[in-house]
Amino acid sequence: MNLPHLLAAILVAAFLAAPPARAAGDHDHGDAAPSAVGEALPRFTAESELFELVGVLSGQQITLYLDRYADNNPVRDAQIELEISGAKFKAEAHGDGEYEVLLPEAPKPGVLPITATVTAGNEADLLAGELDIHEEAHADEAEHAHSLKEYALWATAGFAVLALLGWAARRMLGARGVRAGGAA
């Protein structure tokens, strides 16, 4: 076996022996920040000197989280009325500082002004915020995953390039031999 064939064989063996790099599920990548999976649900915040309100939209349902601004403790037994683009909705309590509003239909994309009237015991306040709803991303813009077919295609292309290089090297060495032999 001559030198070009030996080099080509070594390159092919190295290419085939090295599997694609993949991190194991428990592999630590150091201090890298975790990446978000999927899209976050649309949300809004509104605060005053008394209360802090966070709303999360999921389809037709808005889940509200009401806390005291001073100490971040949940506010129990509050009355919350939301006004969204002119329509009024009364929130129902569903947990410790958690309330829900069911809309007649899911809001359309855009920025919606939201006003919340909060009454808790002797305290009452008016809070304002905006809900920014974006159109859903297209499925074809999702992160591209590589399939086994793609790896096989790349391997085949690599073999073809190596074979072409081997053929060219044989031709060049063969031509040198003919020129060298003719001069002798």
C-alpha atoms as a PDB file:
ATOM      1  CA  MET A   1       0.000   0.000   0.000  1.00  0.00           C
ATOM      2  CA  ASN A   2       1.512   3.334  -1.009  1.00  0.00           C
ATOM      3  CA  LEU A   3       1.540   6.527   1.070  1.00  0.00           C
ATOM      4  CA  PRO A   4      -1.589   8.247  -0.400  1.00  0.00           C
ATOM      5  CA  HIS A   5      -3.658   5.085   0.097  1.00  0.00           C
ATOM      6  CA  LEU A   6      -2.381   4.735   3.654  1.00  0.00           C
ATOM      7  CA  LEU A   7      -3.253   8.375   4.459  1.00  0.00           C
ATOM      8  CA  ALA A   8      -6.717   7.997   2.926  1.00  0.00           C
ATOM      9  CA  ALA A   9      -7.313   4.797   4.917  1.00  0.00           C
ATOM     10  CA  ILE A  10      -6.253   6.528   8.154  1.00  0.00           C
ATOM     11  CA  LEU A  11      -8.562   9.498   7.472  1.00  0.00           C
ATOM     12  CA  VAL A  12     -11.500   7.200   6.700  1.00  0.00           C
ATOM     13  CA  ALA A  13     -10.887   5.152   9.855  1.00  0.00           C
ATOM     14  CA  ALA A  14     -10.652   8.302  11.991  1.00  0.00           C
ATOM     15  CA  PHE A  15     -13.849   9.701  10.445  1.00  0.00           C
ATOM     16  CA  LEU A  16     -15.790   6.484  11.062  1.00  0.00           C
ATOM     17  CA  ALA A  17     -14.405   5.899  14.547  1.00  0.00           C
ATOM     18  CA  ALA A  18     -15.473   9.323  15.841  1.00  0.00           C
ATOM     19  CA  PRO A  19     -19.228   9.337  16.574  1.00  0.00           C
ATOM     20  CA  PRO A  20     -21.104  12.650  16.630  1.00  0.00           C
ATOM     21  CA  ALA A  21     -20.507  14.500  19.899  1.00  0.00           C
ATOM     22  CA  ARG A  22     -23.474  14.412  22.256  1.00  0.00           C
ATOM     23  CA  ALA A  23     -23.688  15.342  25.895  1.00  0.00           C
ATOM     24  CA  ALA A  24     -25.164  12.848  28.320  1.00  0.00           C
ATOM     25  CA  GLY A  25     -28.225  13.843  30.320  1.00  0.00           C
ATOM     26  CA  ASP A  26     -26.182  14.266  33.520  1.00  0.00           C
ATOM     27  CA  HIS A  27     -23.217  15.971  31.832  1.00  0.00           C
ATOM     28  CA  ASP A  28     -22.225  19.231  33.479  1.00  0.00           C
ATOM     29  CA  HIS A  29     -21.415  22.123  31.154  1.00  0.00           C
ATOM     30  CA  GLY A  30     -20.153  24.379  33.913  1.00  0.00           C
ATOM     31  CA  ASP A  31     -21.837  27.672  34.689  1.00  0.00           C
ATOM     32  CA  ALA A  32     -23.837  27.857  31.464  1.00  0.00           C
ATOM     33  CA  ALA A  33     -27.283  29.340  31.974  1.00  0.00           C
ATOM     34  CA  PRO A  34     -30.142  26.890  31.387  1.00  0.00           C
ATOM     35  CA  SER A  35     -31.981  27.499  28.154  1.00  0.00           C
ATOM     36  CA  ALA A  36     -35.738  27.826  27.979  1.00  0.00           C
ATOM     37  CA  VAL A  37     -37.648  24.994  26.372  1.00  0.00           C
ATOM     38  CA  GLY A  38     -40.519  26.134  24.185  1.00  0.00           C
ATOM     39  CA  GLU A  39     -42.159  29.486  24.307  1.00  0.00           C
ATOM     40  CA  ALA A  40     -43.204  31.303  27.459  1.00  0.00           C
ATOM     41  CA  LEU A  41     -46.872  32.093  27.930  1.00  0.00           C
ATOM     42  CA  PRO A  42     -47.849  35.759  27.522  1.00  0.00           C
ATOM     43  CA  ARG A  43     -47.935  37.623  30.819  1.00  0.00           C
ATOM     44  CA  PHE A  44     -48.392  41.046  32.306  1.00  0.00           C
ATOM     45  CA  THR A  45     -47.499  42.749  35.563  1.00  0.00           C
ATOM     46  CA  ALA A  46     -49.133  45.626  37.369  1.00  0.00           C
ATOM     47  CA  GLU A  47     -48.093  47.108  40.689  1.00  0.00           C
ATOM     48  CA  SER A  48     -48.900  49.861  43.125  1.00  0.00           C
ATOM     49  CA  GLU A  49     -47.752  50.826  46.617  1.00  0.00           C
ATOM     50  CA  LEU A  50     -50.065  48.128  48.036  1.00  0.00           C
ATOM     51  CA  PHE A  51     -50.219  45.237  45.565  1.00  0.00           C
ATOM     52  CA  GLU A  52     -48.330  43.426  42.860  1.00  0.00           C
ATOM     53  CA  LEU A  53     -50.349  41.501  40.265  1.00  0.00           C
ATOM     54  CA  VAL A  54     -48.984  39.070  37.694  1.00  0.00           C
ATOM     55  CA  GLY A  55     -51.256  37.616  35.024  1.00  0.00           C
ATOM     56  CA  VAL A  56     -50.427  34.638  32.778  1.00  0.00           C
ATOM     57  CA  LEU A  57     -52.517  33.959  29.677  1.00  0.00           C
ATOM     58  CA  SER A  58     -53.053  30.372  28.539  1.00  0.00           C
ATOM     59  CA  GLY A  59     -55.610  30.238  25.747  1.00  0.00           C
ATOM     60  CA  GLN A  60     -58.829  31.683  27.196  1.00  0.00           C
ATOM     61  CA  GLN A  61     -57.695  31.520  30.823  1.00  0.00           C
ATOM     62  CA  ILE A  62     -55.792  34.189  32.704  1.00  0.00           C
ATOM     63  CA  THR A  63     -54.207  33.023  35.956  1.00  0.00           C
ATOM     64  CA  LEU A  64     -53.585  35.899  38.361  1.00  0.00           C
ATOM     65  CA  TYR A  65     -51.088  35.970  41.224  1.00  0.00           C
ATOM     66  CA  LEU A  66     -51.709  38.752  43.760  1.00  0.00           C
ATOM     67  CA  ASP A  67     -49.078  39.656  46.388  1.00  0.00           C
ATOM     68  CA  ARG A  68     -48.539  42.489  48.830  1.00  0.00           C
ATOM     69  CA  TYR A  69     -45.945  44.844  47.394  1.00  0.00           C
ATOM     70  CA  ALA A  70     -44.165  45.440  50.719  1.00  0.00           C
ATOM     71  CA  ASP A  71     -43.432  41.836  51.714  1.00  0.00           C
ATOM     72  CA  ASN A  72     -44.432  39.712  48.676  1.00  0.00           C
ATOM     73  CA  ASN A  73     -46.925  37.690  50.744  1.00  0.00           C
ATOM     74  CA  PRO A  74     -49.929  36.330  48.838  1.00  0.00           C
ATOM     75  CA  VAL A  75     -53.190  38.251  49.226  1.00  0.00           C
ATOM     76  CA  ARG A  76     -56.061  35.967  50.237  1.00  0.00           C
ATOM     77  CA  ASP A  77     -59.774  36.633  49.774  1.00  0.00           C
ATOM     78  CA  ALA A  78     -59.356  39.631  47.495  1.00  0.00           C
ATOM     79  CA  GLN A  79     -61.894  40.797  44.949  1.00  0.00           C
ATOM     80  CA  ILE A  80     -60.307  41.379  41.537  1.00  0.00           C
ATOM     81  CA  GLU A  81     -62.046  42.853  38.534  1.00  0.00           C
ATOM     82  CA  LEU A  82     -60.109  42.983  35.246  1.00  0.00           C
ATOM     83  CA  GLU A  83     -60.906  45.333  32.409  1.00  0.00           C
ATOM     84  CA  ILE A  84     -59.377  44.117  29.141  1.00  0.00           C
ATOM     85  CA  SER A  85     -59.890  46.317  26.087  1.00  0.00           C
ATOM     86  CA  GLY A  86     -63.129  47.705  27.552  1.00  0.00           C
ATOM     87  CA  ALA A  87     -64.639  44.358  28.664  1.00  0.00           C
ATOM     88  CA  LYS A  88     -64.919  43.629  32.419  1.00  0.00           C
ATOM     89  CA  PHE A  89     -64.292  40.223  34.068  1.00  0.00           C
ATOM     90  CA  LYS A  90     -64.516  39.129  37.708  1.00  0.00           C
ATOM     91  CA  ALA A  91     -61.728  36.846  38.948  1.00  0.00           C
ATOM     92  CA  GLU A  92     -62.422  33.749  41.059  1.00  0.00           C
ATOM     93  CA  ALA A  93     -60.116  32.635  43.868  1.00  0.00           C
ATOM     94  CA  HIS A  94     -58.291  29.367  43.157  1.00  0.00           C
ATOM     95  CA  GLY A  95     -55.637  29.085  45.827  1.00  0.00           C
ATOM     96  CA  ASP A  96     -53.383  31.070  48.101  1.00  0.00           C
ATOM     97  CA  GLY A  97     -53.113  34.421  46.326  1.00  0.00           C
ATOM     98  CA  GLU A  98     -54.113  32.795  43.027  1.00  0.00           C
ATOM     99  CA  TYR A  99     -57.127  33.825  40.970  1.00  0.00           C
ATOM    100  CA  GLU A 100     -58.516  32.922  37.547  1.00  0.00           C
ATOM    101  CA  VAL A 101     -60.462  34.696  34.814  1.00  0.00           C
ATOM    102  CA  LEU A 102     -62.039  32.758  31.943  1.00  0.00           C
ATOM    103  CA  LEU A 103     -62.393  34.814  28.762  1.00  0.00           C
ATOM    104  CA  PRO A 104     -65.115  34.080  26.175  1.00  0.00           C
ATOM    105  CA  GLU A 105     -62.379  33.563  23.532  1.00  0.00           C
ATOM    106  CA  ALA A 106     -58.604  33.678  23.307  1.00  0.00           C
ATOM    107  CA  PRO A 107     -57.353  37.229  22.672  1.00  0.00           C
ATOM    108  CA  LYS A 108     -55.927  38.101  19.254  1.00  0.00           C
ATOM    109  CA  PRO A 109     -52.213  38.988  18.902  1.00  0.00           C
ATOM    110  CA  GLY A 110     -51.320  42.540  19.859  1.00  0.00           C
ATOM    111  CA  VAL A 111     -50.900  44.715  22.936  1.00  0.00           C
ATOM    112  CA  LEU A 112     -53.946  44.760  25.223  1.00  0.00           C
ATOM    113  CA  PRO A 113     -54.346  47.376  27.981  1.00  0.00           C
ATOM    114  CA  ILE A 114     -55.378  45.797  31.286  1.00  0.00           C
ATOM    115  CA  THR A 115     -56.762  47.552  34.347  1.00  0.00           C
ATOM    116  CA  ALA A 116     -57.282  45.644  37.591  1.00  0.00           C
ATOM    117  CA  THR A 117     -59.410  46.859  40.481  1.00  0.00           C
ATOM    118  CA  VAL A 118     -58.263  45.065  43.636  1.00  0.00           C
ATOM    119  CA  THR A 119     -60.160  45.131  46.937  1.00  0.00           C
ATOM    120  CA  ALA A 120     -58.734  43.263  49.935  1.00  0.00           C
ATOM    121  CA  GLY A 121     -60.399  43.989  53.251  1.00  0.00           C
ATOM    122  CA  ASN A 122     -60.235  47.772  53.833  1.00  0.00           C
ATOM    123  CA  GLU A 123     -57.677  48.272  51.067  1.00  0.00           C
ATOM    124  CA  ALA A 124     -58.575  49.053  47.466  1.00  0.00           C
ATOM    125  CA  ASP A 125     -56.318  49.916  44.554  1.00  0.00           C
ATOM    126  CA  LEU A 126     -56.309  50.356  40.801  1.00  0.00           C
ATOM    127  CA  LEU A 127     -53.467  48.675  38.868  1.00  0.00           C
ATOM    128  CA  ALA A 128     -52.642  49.008  35.169  1.00  0.00           C
ATOM    129  CA  GLY A 129     -50.534  46.933  32.795  1.00  0.00           C
ATOM    130  CA  GLU A 130     -50.287  45.661  29.238  1.00  0.00           C
ATOM    131  CA  LEU A 131     -50.543  42.153  27.864  1.00  0.00           C
ATOM    132  CA  ASP A 132     -48.352  41.739  24.765  1.00  0.00           C
ATOM    133  CA  ILE A 133     -49.481  38.717  22.733  1.00  0.00           C
ATOM    134  CA  HIS A 134     -47.247  37.597  19.865  1.00  0.00           C
ATOM    135  CA  GLU A 135     -48.241  35.382  16.943  1.00  0.00           C
ATOM    136  CA  GLU A 136     -47.128  31.791  17.378  1.00  0.00           C
ATOM    137  CA  ALA A 137     -43.855  30.872  15.693  1.00  0.00           C
ATOM    138  CA  HIS A 138     -44.020  28.721  12.586  1.00  0.00           C
ATOM    139  CA  ALA A 139     -43.183  25.042  12.997  1.00  0.00           C
ATOM    140  CA  ASP A 140     -40.549  25.221  10.242  1.00  0.00           C
ATOM    141  CA  GLU A 141     -38.591  27.760  12.295  1.00  0.00           C
ATOM    142  CA  ALA A 142     -38.110  25.242  15.098  1.00  0.00           C
ATOM    143  CA  GLU A 143     -34.628  24.108  15.985  1.00  0.00           C
ATOM    144  CA  HIS A 144     -33.288  21.730  13.365  1.00  0.00           C
ATOM    145  CA  ALA A 145     -32.377  18.242  14.612  1.00  0.00           C
ATOM    146  CA  HIS A 146     -30.013  16.045  12.623  1.00  0.00           C
ATOM    147  CA  SER A 147     -31.222  12.625  11.561  1.00  0.00           C
ATOM    148  CA  LEU A 148     -29.322   9.432  10.889  1.00  0.00           C
ATOM    149  CA  LYS A 149     -29.952   9.946   7.159  1.00  0.00           C
ATOM    150  CA  GLU A 150     -28.098  13.274   7.294  1.00  0.00           C
ATOM    151  CA  TYR A 151     -25.100  11.667   8.994  1.00  0.00           C
ATOM    152  CA  ALA A 152     -25.115   8.866   6.397  1.00  0.00           C
ATOM    153  CA  LEU A 153     -25.204  11.455   3.606  1.00  0.00           C
ATOM    154  CA  TRP A 154     -22.231  13.296   5.089  1.00  0.00           C
ATOM    155  CA  ALA A 155     -20.316  10.007   5.487  1.00  0.00           C
ATOM    156  CA  THR A 156     -21.025   9.063   1.853  1.00  0.00           C
ATOM    157  CA  ALA A 157     -19.864  12.480   0.671  1.00  0.00           C
ATOM    158  CA  GLY A 158     -16.693  12.105   2.765  1.00  0.00           C
ATOM    159  CA  PHE A 159     -15.966   8.710   1.229  1.00  0.00           C
ATOM    160  CA  ALA A 160     -16.478  10.151  -2.256  1.00  0.00           C
ATOM    161  CA  VAL A 161     -14.034  13.004  -1.573  1.00  0.00           C
ATOM    162  CA  LEU A 162     -11.450  10.614  -0.128  1.00  0.00           C
ATOM    163  CA  ALA A 163     -11.810   8.273  -3.116  1.00  0.00           C
ATOM    164  CA  LEU A 164     -11.351  11.206  -5.496  1.00  0.00           C
ATOM    165  CA  LEU A 165      -8.246  12.340  -3.599  1.00  0.00           C
ATOM    166  CA  GLY A 166      -6.832   8.799  -3.695  1.00  0.00           C
ATOM    167  CA  TRP A 167      -7.483   8.543  -7.435  1.00  0.00           C
ATOM    168  CA  ALA A 168      -5.814  11.924  -8.054  1.00  0.00           C
ATOM    169  CA  ALA A 169      -2.803  10.943  -5.944  1.00  0.00           C
ATOM    170  CA  ARG A 170      -2.395   7.666  -7.881  1.00  0.00           C
ATOM    171  CA  ARG A 171      -2.549   9.563 -11.176  1.00  0.00           C
ATOM    172  CA  MET A 172       0.049  12.090 -10.023  1.00  0.00           C
ATOM    173  CA  LEU A 173       2.420   9.386  -8.718  1.00  0.00           C
ATOM    174  CA  GLY A 174       1.890   7.320 -11.841  1.00  0.00           C
ATOM    175  CA  ALA A 175       2.706  10.315 -14.063  1.00  0.00           C
ATOM    176  CA  ARG A 176       5.913  10.995 -12.095  1.00  0.00           C
ATOM    177  CA  GLY A 177       6.940   7.381 -12.525  1.00  0.00           C
ATOM    178  CA  VAL A 178       6.471   7.520 -16.279  1.00  0.00           C
ATOM    179  CA  ARG A 179       8.488  10.764 -16.548  1.00  0.00           C
ATOM    180  CA  ALA A 180      11.200   9.444 -14.281  1.00  0.00           C
ATOM    181  CA  GLY A 181      11.324   6.117 -16.153  1.00  0.00           C
ATOM    182  CA  GLY A 182      11.555   7.782 -19.559  1.00  0.00           C
ATOM    183  CA  ALA A 183      14.592   9.869 -18.532  1.00  0.00           C
ATOM    184  CA  ALA A 184      16.562   6.898 -17.286  1.00  0.00           C
END
